[in-house]
Amino acid sequence: MGGRASAASKNKWISKTYDRINLTVPKGDKEAIRAFAAEKGESVNGFINRIIHEAMNKESAEE
């Protein structure tokens, strides 16, 4: 049973623990990204984080 207090507490913890990045994509891409991530068993957030880290690791290895 969550309420306003638990939601506020969770939001406070998230704001202390995570940075937020807004992503803008062309119309129609949002649903395609959501479907692709779901196909892979990932959330959209998890999928985006994974591919960002993979790209960063790949580029670091190439240097």
PDB file of N, CA and C in Angstrom:
ATOM      1  N   MET A   1       0.825  -1.197   0.000  1.00  0.00           N
ATOM      2  CA  MET A   1       0.000   0.000   0.000  1.00  0.00           C
ATOM      3  C   MET A   1       0.863   1.251   0.000  1.00  0.00           C
ATOM      4  N   GLY A   2       1.115   1.812  -1.136  1.00  0.00           N
ATOM      5  CA  GLY A   2       1.906   3.030  -1.203  1.00  0.00           C
ATOM      6  C   GLY A   2       1.014   4.241  -1.154  1.00  0.00           C
ATOM      7  N   GLY A   3       1.555   5.304  -0.692  1.00  0.00           N
ATOM      8  CA  GLY A   3       0.808   6.547  -0.649  1.00  0.00           C
ATOM      9  C   GLY A   3       1.686   7.686  -1.088  1.00  0.00           C
ATOM     10  N   ARG A   4       1.212   8.884  -0.787  1.00  0.00           N
ATOM     11  CA  ARG A   4       1.984  10.068  -1.172  1.00  0.00           C
ATOM     12  C   ARG A   4       3.329  10.109  -0.469  1.00  0.00           C
ATOM     13  N   ALA A   5       3.354   9.719   0.809  1.00  0.00           N
ATOM     14  CA  ALA A   5       4.609   9.764   1.567  1.00  0.00           C
ATOM     15  C   ALA A   5       5.632   8.813   0.966  1.00  0.00           C
ATOM     16  N   SER A   6       5.208   7.609   0.594  1.00  0.00           N
ATOM     17  CA  SER A   6       6.168   6.661   0.038  1.00  0.00           C
ATOM     18  C   SER A   6       6.621   7.101  -1.356  1.00  0.00           C
ATOM     19  N   ALA A   7       5.736   7.669  -2.145  1.00  0.00           N
ATOM     20  CA  ALA A   7       6.104   8.170  -3.474  1.00  0.00           C
ATOM     21  C   ALA A   7       7.067   9.340  -3.335  1.00  0.00           C
ATOM     22  N   ALA A   8       6.810  10.232  -2.401  1.00  0.00           N
ATOM     23  CA  ALA A   8       7.688  11.378  -2.175  1.00  0.00           C
ATOM     24  C   ALA A   8       9.052  10.910  -1.695  1.00  0.00           C
ATOM     25  N   SER A   9       9.059   9.913  -0.825  1.00  0.00           N
ATOM     26  CA  SER A   9      10.319   9.362  -0.323  1.00  0.00           C
ATOM     27  C   SER A   9      11.120   8.724  -1.453  1.00  0.00           C
ATOM     28  N   LYS A  10      10.443   7.972  -2.306  1.00  0.00           N
ATOM     29  CA  LYS A  10      11.100   7.322  -3.442  1.00  0.00           C
ATOM     30  C   LYS A  10      11.659   8.377  -4.393  1.00  0.00           C
ATOM     31  N   ASN A  11      10.871   9.401  -4.700  1.00  0.00           N
ATOM     32  CA  ASN A  11      11.322  10.469  -5.603  1.00  0.00           C
ATOM     33  C   ASN A  11      12.515  11.219  -5.022  1.00  0.00           C
ATOM     34  N   LYS A  12      12.536  11.428  -3.716  1.00  0.00           N
ATOM     35  CA  LYS A  12      13.648  12.107  -3.066  1.00  0.00           C
ATOM     36  C   LYS A  12      14.911  11.266  -3.198  1.00  0.00           C
ATOM     37  N   TRP A  13      14.788   9.952  -2.956  1.00  0.00           N
ATOM     38  CA  TRP A  13      15.931   9.045  -3.079  1.00  0.00           C
ATOM     39  C   TRP A  13      16.437   9.011  -4.521  1.00  0.00           C
ATOM     40  N   ILE A  14      15.528   8.943  -5.486  1.00  0.00           N
ATOM     41  CA  ILE A  14      15.916   8.927  -6.905  1.00  0.00           C
ATOM     42  C   ILE A  14      16.664  10.205  -7.264  1.00  0.00           C
ATOM     43  N   SER A  15      16.173  11.357  -6.797  1.00  0.00           N
ATOM     44  CA  SER A  15      16.829  12.622  -7.150  1.00  0.00           C
ATOM     45  C   SER A  15      18.215  12.738  -6.533  1.00  0.00           C
ATOM     46  N   LYS A  16      18.452  12.074  -5.409  1.00  0.00           N
ATOM     47  CA  LYS A  16      19.779  12.087  -4.788  1.00  0.00           C
ATOM     48  C   LYS A  16      20.721  11.081  -5.445  1.00  0.00           C
ATOM     49  N   THR A  17      20.164  10.027  -6.010  1.00  0.00           N
ATOM     50  CA  THR A  17      20.960   8.899  -6.489  1.00  0.00           C
ATOM     51  C   THR A  17      21.228   8.919  -7.993  1.00  0.00           C
ATOM     52  N   TYR A  18      20.338   9.516  -8.750  1.00  0.00           N
ATOM     53  CA  TYR A  18      20.438   9.470 -10.207  1.00  0.00           C
ATOM     54  C   TYR A  18      20.427  10.861 -10.815  1.00  0.00           C
ATOM     55  N   ASP A  19      21.058  10.988 -11.979  1.00  0.00           N
ATOM     56  CA  ASP A  19      20.928  12.182 -12.810  1.00  0.00           C
ATOM     57  C   ASP A  19      19.866  11.889 -13.857  1.00  0.00           C
ATOM     58  N   ARG A  20      19.206  12.914 -14.314  1.00  0.00           N
ATOM     59  CA  ARG A  20      18.159  12.748 -15.314  1.00  0.00           C
ATOM     60  C   ARG A  20      18.620  13.357 -16.632  1.00  0.00           C
ATOM     61  N   ILE A  21      18.387  12.612 -17.719  1.00  0.00           N
ATOM     62  CA  ILE A  21      18.677  13.096 -19.069  1.00  0.00           C
ATOM     63  C   ILE A  21      17.388  12.965 -19.874  1.00  0.00           C
ATOM     64  N   ASN A  22      16.960  14.048 -20.490  1.00  0.00           N
ATOM     65  CA  ASN A  22      15.781  13.992 -21.350  1.00  0.00           C
ATOM     66  C   ASN A  22      16.214  13.643 -22.767  1.00  0.00           C
ATOM     67  N   LEU A  23      15.479  12.759 -23.391  1.00  0.00           N
ATOM     68  CA  LEU A  23      15.795  12.298 -24.739  1.00  0.00           C
ATOM     69  C   LEU A  23      14.626  12.630 -25.654  1.00  0.00           C
ATOM     70  N   THR A  24      14.917  13.252 -26.771  1.00  0.00           N
ATOM     71  CA  THR A  24      13.895  13.592 -27.753  1.00  0.00           C
ATOM     72  C   THR A  24      14.133  12.759 -29.005  1.00  0.00           C
ATOM     73  N   VAL A  25      13.085  12.080 -29.467  1.00  0.00           N
ATOM     74  CA  VAL A  25      13.178  11.243 -30.663  1.00  0.00           C
ATOM     75  C   VAL A  25      12.049  11.623 -31.621  1.00  0.00           C
ATOM     76  N   PRO A  26      12.231  11.355 -32.911  1.00  0.00           N
ATOM     77  CA  PRO A  26      11.167  11.652 -33.872  1.00  0.00           C
ATOM     78  C   PRO A  26       9.894  10.861 -33.563  1.00  0.00           C
ATOM     79  N   LYS A  27       8.756  11.427 -33.939  1.00  0.00           N
ATOM     80  CA  LYS A  27       7.465  10.753 -33.752  1.00  0.00           C
ATOM     81  C   LYS A  27       7.530   9.348 -34.334  1.00  0.00           C
ATOM     82  N   GLY A  28       7.025   8.401 -33.598  1.00  0.00           N
ATOM     83  CA  GLY A  28       6.997   7.016 -34.044  1.00  0.00           C
ATOM     84  C   GLY A  28       8.161   6.196 -33.512  1.00  0.00           C
ATOM     85  N   ASP A  29       9.296   6.858 -33.248  1.00  0.00           N
ATOM     86  CA  ASP A  29      10.459   6.123 -32.752  1.00  0.00           C
ATOM     87  C   ASP A  29      10.268   5.639 -31.319  1.00  0.00           C
ATOM     88  N   LYS A  30       9.526   6.387 -30.524  1.00  0.00           N
ATOM     89  CA  LYS A  30       9.315   6.016 -29.126  1.00  0.00           C
ATOM     90  C   LYS A  30       8.718   4.617 -29.028  1.00  0.00           C
ATOM     91  N   GLU A  31       7.683   4.367 -29.778  1.00  0.00           N
ATOM     92  CA  GLU A  31       7.035   3.056 -29.725  1.00  0.00           C
ATOM     93  C   GLU A  31       7.943   1.974 -30.292  1.00  0.00           C
ATOM     94  N   ALA A  32       8.694   2.279 -31.335  1.00  0.00           N
ATOM     95  CA  ALA A  32       9.625   1.302 -31.911  1.00  0.00           C
ATOM     96  C   ALA A  32      10.717   0.952 -30.898  1.00  0.00           C
ATOM     97  N   ILE A  33      11.220   1.952 -30.171  1.00  0.00           N
ATOM     98  CA  ILE A  33      12.242   1.715 -29.145  1.00  0.00           C
ATOM     99  C   ILE A  33      11.658   0.884 -28.010  1.00  0.00           C
ATOM    100  N   ARG A  34      10.461   1.232 -27.582  1.00  0.00           N
ATOM    101  CA  ARG A  34       9.797   0.489 -26.501  1.00  0.00           C
ATOM    102  C   ARG A  34       9.598  -0.972 -26.900  1.00  0.00           C
ATOM    103  N   ALA A  35       9.141  -1.209 -28.116  1.00  0.00           N
ATOM    104  CA  ALA A  35       8.907  -2.577 -28.590  1.00  0.00           C
ATOM    105  C   ALA A  35      10.219  -3.354 -28.697  1.00  0.00           C
ATOM    106  N   PHE A  36      11.266  -2.711 -29.197  1.00  0.00           N
ATOM    107  CA  PHE A  36      12.559  -3.369 -29.340  1.00  0.00           C
ATOM    108  C   PHE A  36      13.120  -3.749 -27.972  1.00  0.00           C
ATOM    109  N   ALA A  37      13.054  -2.818 -27.029  1.00  0.00           N
ATOM    110  CA  ALA A  37      13.551  -3.094 -25.675  1.00  0.00           C
ATOM    111  C   ALA A  37      12.770  -4.240 -25.039  1.00  0.00           C
ATOM    112  N   ALA A  38      11.455  -4.229 -25.195  1.00  0.00           N
ATOM    113  CA  ALA A  38      10.612  -5.293 -24.634  1.00  0.00           C
ATOM    114  C   ALA A  38      10.955  -6.641 -25.245  1.00  0.00           C
ATOM    115  N   GLU A  39      11.230  -6.649 -26.530  1.00  0.00           N
ATOM    116  CA  GLU A  39      11.631  -7.867 -27.236  1.00  0.00           C
ATOM    117  C   GLU A  39      12.889  -8.467 -26.619  1.00  0.00           C
ATOM    118  N   LYS A  40      13.770  -7.589 -26.138  1.00  0.00           N
ATOM    119  CA  LYS A  40      15.034  -8.011 -25.527  1.00  0.00           C
ATOM    120  C   LYS A  40      14.890  -8.243 -24.020  1.00  0.00           C
ATOM    121  N   GLY A  41      13.664  -8.051 -23.502  1.00  0.00           N
ATOM    122  CA  GLY A  41      13.427  -8.249 -22.071  1.00  0.00           C
ATOM    123  C   GLY A  41      13.937  -7.109 -21.204  1.00  0.00           C
ATOM    124  N   GLU A  42      14.029  -5.912 -21.791  1.00  0.00           N
ATOM    125  CA  GLU A  42      14.548  -4.754 -21.074  1.00  0.00           C
ATOM    126  C   GLU A  42      13.512  -3.642 -21.011  1.00  0.00           C
ATOM    127  N   SER A  43      13.680  -2.781 -20.018  1.00  0.00           N
ATOM    128  CA  SER A  43      12.903  -1.546 -19.999  1.00  0.00           C
ATOM    129  C   SER A  43      13.568  -0.592 -20.991  1.00  0.00           C
ATOM    130  N   VAL A  44      12.862   0.457 -21.370  1.00  0.00           N
ATOM    131  CA  VAL A  44      13.452   1.456 -22.264  1.00  0.00           C
ATOM    132  C   VAL A  44      14.669   2.084 -21.581  1.00  0.00           C
ATOM    133  N   ASN A  45      14.535   2.412 -20.306  1.00  0.00           N
ATOM    134  CA  ASN A  45      15.644   3.013 -19.571  1.00  0.00           C
ATOM    135  C   ASN A  45      16.846   2.068 -19.525  1.00  0.00           C
ATOM    136  N   GLY A  46      16.611   0.814 -19.204  1.00  0.00           N
ATOM    137  CA  GLY A  46      17.692  -0.162 -19.157  1.00  0.00           C
ATOM    138  C   GLY A  46      18.356  -0.337 -20.507  1.00  0.00           C
ATOM    139  N   PHE A  47      17.549  -0.386 -21.557  1.00  0.00           N
ATOM    140  CA  PHE A  47      18.072  -0.529 -22.924  1.00  0.00           C
ATOM    141  C   PHE A  47      18.962   0.652 -23.302  1.00  0.00           C
ATOM    142  N   ILE A  48      18.479   1.862 -23.054  1.00  0.00           N
ATOM    143  CA  ILE A  48      19.242   3.058 -23.405  1.00  0.00           C
ATOM    144  C   ILE A  48      20.538   3.116 -22.595  1.00  0.00           C
ATOM    145  N   ASN A  49      20.462   2.825 -21.306  1.00  0.00           N
ATOM    146  CA  ASN A  49      21.673   2.811 -20.488  1.00  0.00           C
ATOM    147  C   ASN A  49      22.676   1.782 -20.993  1.00  0.00           C
ATOM    148  N   ARG A  50      22.195   0.592 -21.357  1.00  0.00           N
ATOM    149  CA  ARG A  50      23.086  -0.467 -21.831  1.00  0.00           C
ATOM    150  C   ARG A  50      23.798  -0.046 -23.116  1.00  0.00           C
ATOM    151  N   ILE A  51      23.042   0.475 -24.085  1.00  0.00           N
ATOM    152  CA  ILE A  51      23.696   0.815 -25.352  1.00  0.00           C
ATOM    153  C   ILE A  51      24.644   2.008 -25.213  1.00  0.00           C
ATOM    154  N   ILE A  52      24.334   2.923 -24.314  1.00  0.00           N
ATOM    155  CA  ILE A  52      25.260   4.039 -24.061  1.00  0.00           C
ATOM    156  C   ILE A  52      26.563   3.502 -23.485  1.00  0.00           C
ATOM    157  N   HIS A  53      26.450   2.629 -22.470  1.00  0.00           N
ATOM    158  CA  HIS A  53      27.665   2.089 -21.845  1.00  0.00           C
ATOM    159  C   HIS A  53      28.451   1.204 -22.811  1.00  0.00           C
ATOM    160  N   GLU A  54      27.757   0.442 -23.647  1.00  0.00           N
ATOM    161  CA  GLU A  54      28.454  -0.375 -24.644  1.00  0.00           C
ATOM    162  C   GLU A  54      29.240   0.507 -25.614  1.00  0.00           C
ATOM    163  N   ALA A  55      28.633   1.604 -26.066  1.00  0.00           N
ATOM    164  CA  ALA A  55      29.307   2.521 -26.989  1.00  0.00           C
ATOM    165  C   ALA A  55      30.512   3.179 -26.313  1.00  0.00           C
ATOM    166  N   MET A  56      30.352   3.584 -25.063  1.00  0.00           N
ATOM    167  CA  MET A  56      31.454   4.210 -24.339  1.00  0.00           C
ATOM    168  C   MET A  56      32.604   3.223 -24.140  1.00  0.00           C
ATOM    169  N   ASN A  57      32.286   1.994 -23.772  1.00  0.00           N
ATOM    170  CA  ASN A  57      33.318   0.972 -23.575  1.00  0.00           C
ATOM    171  C   ASN A  57      34.031   0.645 -24.879  1.00  0.00           C
ATOM    172  N   LYS A  58      33.264   0.559 -25.958  1.00  0.00           N
ATOM    173  CA  LYS A  58      33.850   0.256 -27.265  1.00  0.00           C
ATOM    174  C   LYS A  58      34.813   1.359 -27.693  1.00  0.00           C
ATOM    175  N   GLU A  59      34.393   2.598 -27.555  1.00  0.00           N
ATOM    176  CA  GLU A  59      35.253   3.714 -27.962  1.00  0.00           C
ATOM    177  C   GLU A  59      36.482   3.832 -27.071  1.00  0.00           C
ATOM    178  N   SER A  60      36.332   3.543 -25.785  1.00  0.00           N
ATOM    179  CA  SER A  60      37.487   3.577 -24.879  1.00  0.00           C
ATOM    180  C   SER A  60      38.493   2.505 -25.253  1.00  0.00           C
ATOM    181  N   ALA A  61      38.001   1.326 -25.643  1.00  0.00           N
ATOM    182  CA  ALA A  61      38.876   0.219 -26.022  1.00  0.00           C
ATOM    183  C   ALA A  61      39.619   0.519 -27.323  1.00  0.00           C
ATOM    184  N   GLU A  62      39.012   1.302 -28.192  1.00  0.00           N
ATOM    185  CA  GLU A  62      39.616   1.629 -29.482  1.00  0.00           C
ATOM    186  C   GLU A  62      40.711   2.683 -29.367  1.00  0.00           C
ATOM    187  N   GLU A  63      40.725   3.405 -28.266  1.00  0.00           N
ATOM    188  CA  GLU A  63      41.720   4.492 -28.110  1.00  0.00           C
ATOM    189  C   GLU A  63      43.082   3.963 -27.759  1.00  0.00           C
TER     190      GLU A  63
END
